[in-house]
Amino acid sequence: MKIKDIMVTEVASCSAQTSLQDIATLMWNNDCGAIPLVDAEERPIGIVTDRDIAMGAALQHRPLWELSGDNVTHGREIFCCRPDDDISDALTLMESQEIRRLPVINQFDQLCGMVSMGDIVSFTRSGRARKGEVIAISAGDTLGFLKHVSGHHDGYKAIVTR
């Protein structure tokens, strides 16, 4: 199964200079938890998640309208896939990088879609495919991916305030 079989093609995006307040509004209006940041040629240069917004505001002690996407993603590597990539390859990449979403890029490296953990779960099968069925992702592969990506990660320290 290929990425093009499960990816979302209508993706909201914005520039790195967009305020976190506007990015949060884009997330709300598009019912998503991540917005890719793109350059002037529509090439992905970062991705802002709902967690980035919460932690960026909390750790920088500034309101969302004073922070931009670049303030919370600067220097973080972005990982992408292509529509003709195999889903198992995307799953491996997401698991190894501990990420839940991948921008999908076309032959010009421009954003053309997104694939998320939820998209992968939606195409998980619980057994063998019958004749004529669309081949889906195995439940074992999905469960392993979910355990790795959604579990607690070493290196993160809890911040306790009183």
C-alpha atoms as a PDB file:
ATOM      1  CA  MET A   1       0.000   0.000   0.000  1.00  0.00           C
ATOM      2  CA  LYS A   2       1.289   3.442  -0.905  1.00  0.00           C
ATOM      3  CA  ILE A   3       1.156   6.762   0.931  1.00  0.00           C
ATOM      4  CA  LYS A   4      -1.105   8.166  -1.798  1.00  0.00           C
ATOM      5  CA  ASP A   5      -3.734   5.590  -0.763  1.00  0.00           C
ATOM      6  CA  ILE A   6      -4.117   7.021   2.750  1.00  0.00           C
ATOM      7  CA  MET A   7      -2.764  10.588   2.745  1.00  0.00           C
ATOM      8  CA  VAL A   8      -4.891  13.659   3.267  1.00  0.00           C
ATOM      9  CA  THR A   9      -4.568  15.971   0.266  1.00  0.00           C
ATOM     10  CA  GLU A  10      -6.279  19.099   1.584  1.00  0.00           C
ATOM     11  CA  VAL A  11      -3.690  20.450   4.001  1.00  0.00           C
ATOM     12  CA  ALA A  12      -3.659  23.837   5.685  1.00  0.00           C
ATOM     13  CA  SER A  13      -0.190  25.376   5.788  1.00  0.00           C
ATOM     14  CA  CYS A  14       1.426  28.709   6.582  1.00  0.00           C
ATOM     15  CA  SER A  15       4.759  30.532   6.638  1.00  0.00           C
ATOM     16  CA  ALA A  16       7.302  30.311   9.435  1.00  0.00           C
ATOM     17  CA  GLN A  17       6.463  33.906  10.404  1.00  0.00           C
ATOM     18  CA  THR A  18       2.782  33.151  11.093  1.00  0.00           C
ATOM     19  CA  SER A  19       1.845  33.744  14.739  1.00  0.00           C
ATOM     20  CA  LEU A  20       1.102  30.780  16.965  1.00  0.00           C
ATOM     21  CA  GLN A  21      -2.326  32.324  17.560  1.00  0.00           C
ATOM     22  CA  ASP A  22      -3.075  32.156  13.820  1.00  0.00           C
ATOM     23  CA  ILE A  23      -1.629  28.640  13.593  1.00  0.00           C
ATOM     24  CA  ALA A  24      -3.858  27.514  16.480  1.00  0.00           C
ATOM     25  CA  THR A  25      -6.843  29.005  14.645  1.00  0.00           C
ATOM     26  CA  LEU A  26      -5.858  27.096  11.490  1.00  0.00           C
ATOM     27  CA  MET A  27      -5.740  23.896  13.538  1.00  0.00           C
ATOM     28  CA  TRP A  28      -9.174  24.579  14.999  1.00  0.00           C
ATOM     29  CA  ASN A  29     -10.743  25.475  11.647  1.00  0.00           C
ATOM     30  CA  ASN A  30      -9.213  22.451   9.894  1.00  0.00           C
ATOM     31  CA  ASP A  31      -9.693  19.920  12.727  1.00  0.00           C
ATOM     32  CA  CYS A  32      -6.036  18.949  12.840  1.00  0.00           C
ATOM     33  CA  GLY A  33      -3.214  18.866  15.352  1.00  0.00           C
ATOM     34  CA  ALA A  34      -0.344  20.001  13.135  1.00  0.00           C
ATOM     35  CA  ILE A  35       0.266  22.665  10.516  1.00  0.00           C
ATOM     36  CA  PRO A  36       3.223  22.452   8.111  1.00  0.00           C
ATOM     37  CA  LEU A  37       5.298  25.580   7.638  1.00  0.00           C
ATOM     38  CA  VAL A  38       6.178  26.183   3.992  1.00  0.00           C
ATOM     39  CA  ASP A  39       8.474  28.534   2.125  1.00  0.00           C
ATOM     40  CA  ALA A  40       7.470  30.779  -0.779  1.00  0.00           C
ATOM     41  CA  GLU A  41       7.631  27.788  -3.172  1.00  0.00           C
ATOM     42  CA  GLU A  42       5.327  25.676  -0.929  1.00  0.00           C
ATOM     43  CA  ARG A  43       8.178  23.446   0.244  1.00  0.00           C
ATOM     44  CA  PRO A  44       7.873  22.217   3.853  1.00  0.00           C
ATOM     45  CA  ILE A  45      10.413  23.813   6.183  1.00  0.00           C
ATOM     46  CA  GLY A  46       8.880  22.837   9.520  1.00  0.00           C
ATOM     47  CA  ILE A  47       5.776  21.608  11.263  1.00  0.00           C
ATOM     48  CA  VAL A  48       3.986  23.070  14.291  1.00  0.00           C
ATOM     49  CA  THR A  49       1.965  20.763  16.508  1.00  0.00           C
ATOM     50  CA  ASP A  50      -0.613  21.622  19.129  1.00  0.00           C
ATOM     51  CA  ARG A  51       1.942  20.553  21.735  1.00  0.00           C
ATOM     52  CA  ASP A  52       4.517  22.965  20.255  1.00  0.00           C
ATOM     53  CA  ILE A  53       2.037  25.800  20.723  1.00  0.00           C
ATOM     54  CA  ALA A  54       1.303  24.931  24.339  1.00  0.00           C
ATOM     55  CA  MET A  55       4.931  24.360  25.300  1.00  0.00           C
ATOM     56  CA  GLY A  56       6.229  27.342  23.321  1.00  0.00           C
ATOM     57  CA  ALA A  57       3.910  29.746  25.110  1.00  0.00           C
ATOM     58  CA  ALA A  58       4.518  28.185  28.513  1.00  0.00           C
ATOM     59  CA  LEU A  59       8.298  27.963  28.303  1.00  0.00           C
ATOM     60  CA  GLN A  60       8.824  31.356  26.643  1.00  0.00           C
ATOM     61  CA  HIS A  61       6.314  33.148  28.912  1.00  0.00           C
ATOM     62  CA  ARG A  62       4.861  35.037  25.969  1.00  0.00           C
ATOM     63  CA  PRO A  63       1.382  35.194  24.448  1.00  0.00           C
ATOM     64  CA  LEU A  64       0.674  33.265  21.260  1.00  0.00           C
ATOM     65  CA  TRP A  65       0.347  36.383  19.112  1.00  0.00           C
ATOM     66  CA  GLU A  66       3.943  37.338  19.990  1.00  0.00           C
ATOM     67  CA  LEU A  67       5.394  33.975  18.929  1.00  0.00           C
ATOM     68  CA  SER A  68       5.748  32.615  15.395  1.00  0.00           C
ATOM     69  CA  GLY A  69       5.999  29.134  14.007  1.00  0.00           C
ATOM     70  CA  ASP A  70       9.732  29.659  13.616  1.00  0.00           C
ATOM     71  CA  ASN A  71      10.033  30.337  17.377  1.00  0.00           C
ATOM     72  CA  VAL A  72       8.998  26.759  18.182  1.00  0.00           C
ATOM     73  CA  THR A  73      10.454  24.851  15.209  1.00  0.00           C
ATOM     74  CA  HIS A  74      13.711  26.664  14.423  1.00  0.00           C
ATOM     75  CA  GLY A  75      16.528  24.208  13.930  1.00  0.00           C
ATOM     76  CA  ARG A  76      14.345  21.084  14.187  1.00  0.00           C
ATOM     77  CA  GLU A  77      14.725  18.728  11.249  1.00  0.00           C
ATOM     78  CA  ILE A  78      11.614  17.986   9.200  1.00  0.00           C
ATOM     79  CA  PHE A  79      10.963  14.541   7.764  1.00  0.00           C
ATOM     80  CA  CYS A  80       8.797  14.009   4.684  1.00  0.00           C
ATOM     81  CA  CYS A  81       7.659  11.209   2.436  1.00  0.00           C
ATOM     82  CA  ARG A  82       6.387  10.948  -1.132  1.00  0.00           C
ATOM     83  CA  PRO A  83       3.019   9.737  -2.472  1.00  0.00           C
ATOM     84  CA  ASP A  84       4.557   6.626  -4.066  1.00  0.00           C
ATOM     85  CA  ASP A  85       6.478   5.613  -0.923  1.00  0.00           C
ATOM     86  CA  ASP A  86       5.356   2.402   0.710  1.00  0.00           C
ATOM     87  CA  ILE A  87       3.401   2.877   3.934  1.00  0.00           C
ATOM     88  CA  SER A  88       5.734   0.505   5.749  1.00  0.00           C
ATOM     89  CA  ASP A  89       8.660   2.827   4.931  1.00  0.00           C
ATOM     90  CA  ALA A  90       6.754   5.832   6.300  1.00  0.00           C
ATOM     91  CA  LEU A  91       5.846   3.824   9.396  1.00  0.00           C
ATOM     92  CA  THR A  92       9.511   2.958   9.930  1.00  0.00           C
ATOM     93  CA  LEU A  93      10.538   6.609   9.513  1.00  0.00           C
ATOM     94  CA  MET A  94       7.847   7.853  11.897  1.00  0.00           C
ATOM     95  CA  GLU A  95       8.800   5.230  14.463  1.00  0.00           C
ATOM     96  CA  SER A  96      12.549   5.874  14.241  1.00  0.00           C
ATOM     97  CA  GLN A  97      12.082   9.650  14.535  1.00  0.00           C
ATOM     98  CA  GLU A  98       9.267   9.371  17.126  1.00  0.00           C
ATOM     99  CA  ILE A  99       6.913  11.553  15.105  1.00  0.00           C
ATOM    100  CA  ARG A 100       3.178  11.226  14.545  1.00  0.00           C
ATOM    101  CA  ARG A 101       2.798  13.079  11.239  1.00  0.00           C
ATOM    102  CA  LEU A 102       4.649  13.308   7.940  1.00  0.00           C
ATOM    103  CA  PRO A 103       4.229  15.953   5.277  1.00  0.00           C
ATOM    104  CA  VAL A 104       3.973  14.403   1.814  1.00  0.00           C
ATOM    105  CA  ILE A 105       5.921  16.129  -0.960  1.00  0.00           C
ATOM    106  CA  ASN A 106       5.618  15.913  -4.740  1.00  0.00           C
ATOM    107  CA  GLN A 107       8.348  15.671  -7.398  1.00  0.00           C
ATOM    108  CA  PHE A 108       9.097  19.395  -6.908  1.00  0.00           C
ATOM    109  CA  ASP A 109       9.476  18.907  -3.112  1.00  0.00           C
ATOM    110  CA  GLN A 110       6.248  20.891  -2.590  1.00  0.00           C
ATOM    111  CA  LEU A 111       3.678  19.997   0.036  1.00  0.00           C
ATOM    112  CA  CYS A 112       0.925  17.847  -1.499  1.00  0.00           C
ATOM    113  CA  GLY A 113      -0.484  16.064   1.544  1.00  0.00           C
ATOM    114  CA  MET A 114      -0.066  14.743   5.061  1.00  0.00           C
ATOM    115  CA  VAL A 115      -0.098  11.300   6.579  1.00  0.00           C
ATOM    116  CA  SER A 116      -0.658  10.875  10.315  1.00  0.00           C
ATOM    117  CA  MET A 117      -0.725   8.208  12.949  1.00  0.00           C
ATOM    118  CA  GLY A 118      -4.530   8.370  12.735  1.00  0.00           C
ATOM    119  CA  ASP A 119      -4.448   7.745   8.972  1.00  0.00           C
ATOM    120  CA  ILE A 120      -2.300   4.688   9.546  1.00  0.00           C
ATOM    121  CA  VAL A 121      -4.576   3.363  12.285  1.00  0.00           C
ATOM    122  CA  SER A 122      -7.558   3.834   9.960  1.00  0.00           C
ATOM    123  CA  PHE A 123      -5.983   1.466   7.434  1.00  0.00           C
ATOM    124  CA  THR A 124      -4.961  -1.218   9.912  1.00  0.00           C
ATOM    125  CA  ARG A 125      -6.423  -4.648   9.310  1.00  0.00           C
ATOM    126  CA  SER A 126      -7.034  -7.271  11.946  1.00  0.00           C
ATOM    127  CA  GLY A 127      -6.238 -10.333   9.904  1.00  0.00           C
ATOM    128  CA  ARG A 128      -5.407 -11.482   6.434  1.00  0.00           C
ATOM    129  CA  ALA A 129      -6.834  -9.625   3.499  1.00  0.00           C
ATOM    130  CA  ARG A 130      -9.444 -11.580   1.544  1.00  0.00           C
ATOM    131  CA  LYS A 131      -9.384 -11.821  -2.211  1.00  0.00           C
ATOM    132  CA  GLY A 132     -10.346  -8.458  -3.716  1.00  0.00           C
ATOM    133  CA  GLU A 133      -9.745  -6.448  -0.514  1.00  0.00           C
ATOM    134  CA  VAL A 134      -7.434  -3.476  -0.413  1.00  0.00           C
ATOM    135  CA  ILE A 135      -4.238  -4.526   1.299  1.00  0.00           C
ATOM    136  CA  ALA A 136      -3.931  -2.719   4.598  1.00  0.00           C
ATOM    137  CA  ILE A 137      -1.325  -2.274   7.305  1.00  0.00           C
ATOM    138  CA  SER A 138      -0.909  -5.187   9.677  1.00  0.00           C
ATOM    139  CA  ALA A 139      -2.210  -4.807  13.215  1.00  0.00           C
ATOM    140  CA  GLY A 140       1.180  -5.922  14.568  1.00  0.00           C
ATOM    141  CA  ASP A 141       3.037  -3.204  12.666  1.00  0.00           C
ATOM    142  CA  THR A 142       0.555  -0.575  13.786  1.00  0.00           C
ATOM    143  CA  LEU A 143       0.637  -1.644  17.425  1.00  0.00           C
ATOM    144  CA  GLY A 144       4.436  -1.603  17.481  1.00  0.00           C
ATOM    145  CA  PHE A 145       4.438   1.851  15.915  1.00  0.00           C
ATOM    146  CA  LEU A 146       1.857   3.178  18.410  1.00  0.00           C
ATOM    147  CA  LYS A 147       3.760   1.778  21.394  1.00  0.00           C
ATOM    148  CA  HIS A 148       6.973   3.391  20.258  1.00  0.00           C
ATOM    149  CA  VAL A 149       5.661   6.779  19.129  1.00  0.00           C
ATOM    150  CA  SER A 150       2.992   7.293  21.802  1.00  0.00           C
ATOM    151  CA  GLY A 151       4.904   5.939  24.787  1.00  0.00           C
ATOM    152  CA  HIS A 152       6.997   7.912  27.227  1.00  0.00           C
ATOM    153  CA  HIS A 153      10.374   8.865  25.837  1.00  0.00           C
ATOM    154  CA  ASP A 154      13.677   8.928  27.684  1.00  0.00           C
ATOM    155  CA  GLY A 155      15.234  12.355  27.863  1.00  0.00           C
ATOM    156  CA  TYR A 156      12.045  14.272  28.611  1.00  0.00           C
ATOM    157  CA  LYS A 157      11.919  15.708  32.092  1.00  0.00           C
ATOM    158  CA  ALA A 158       8.743  16.665  33.838  1.00  0.00           C
ATOM    159  CA  ILE A 159       8.440  20.326  34.778  1.00  0.00           C
ATOM    160  CA  VAL A 160       6.630  20.769  38.056  1.00  0.00           C
ATOM    161  CA  THR A 161       5.433  24.184  39.161  1.00  0.00           C
ATOM    162  CA  ARG A 162       3.827  24.999  42.472  1.00  0.00           C
END
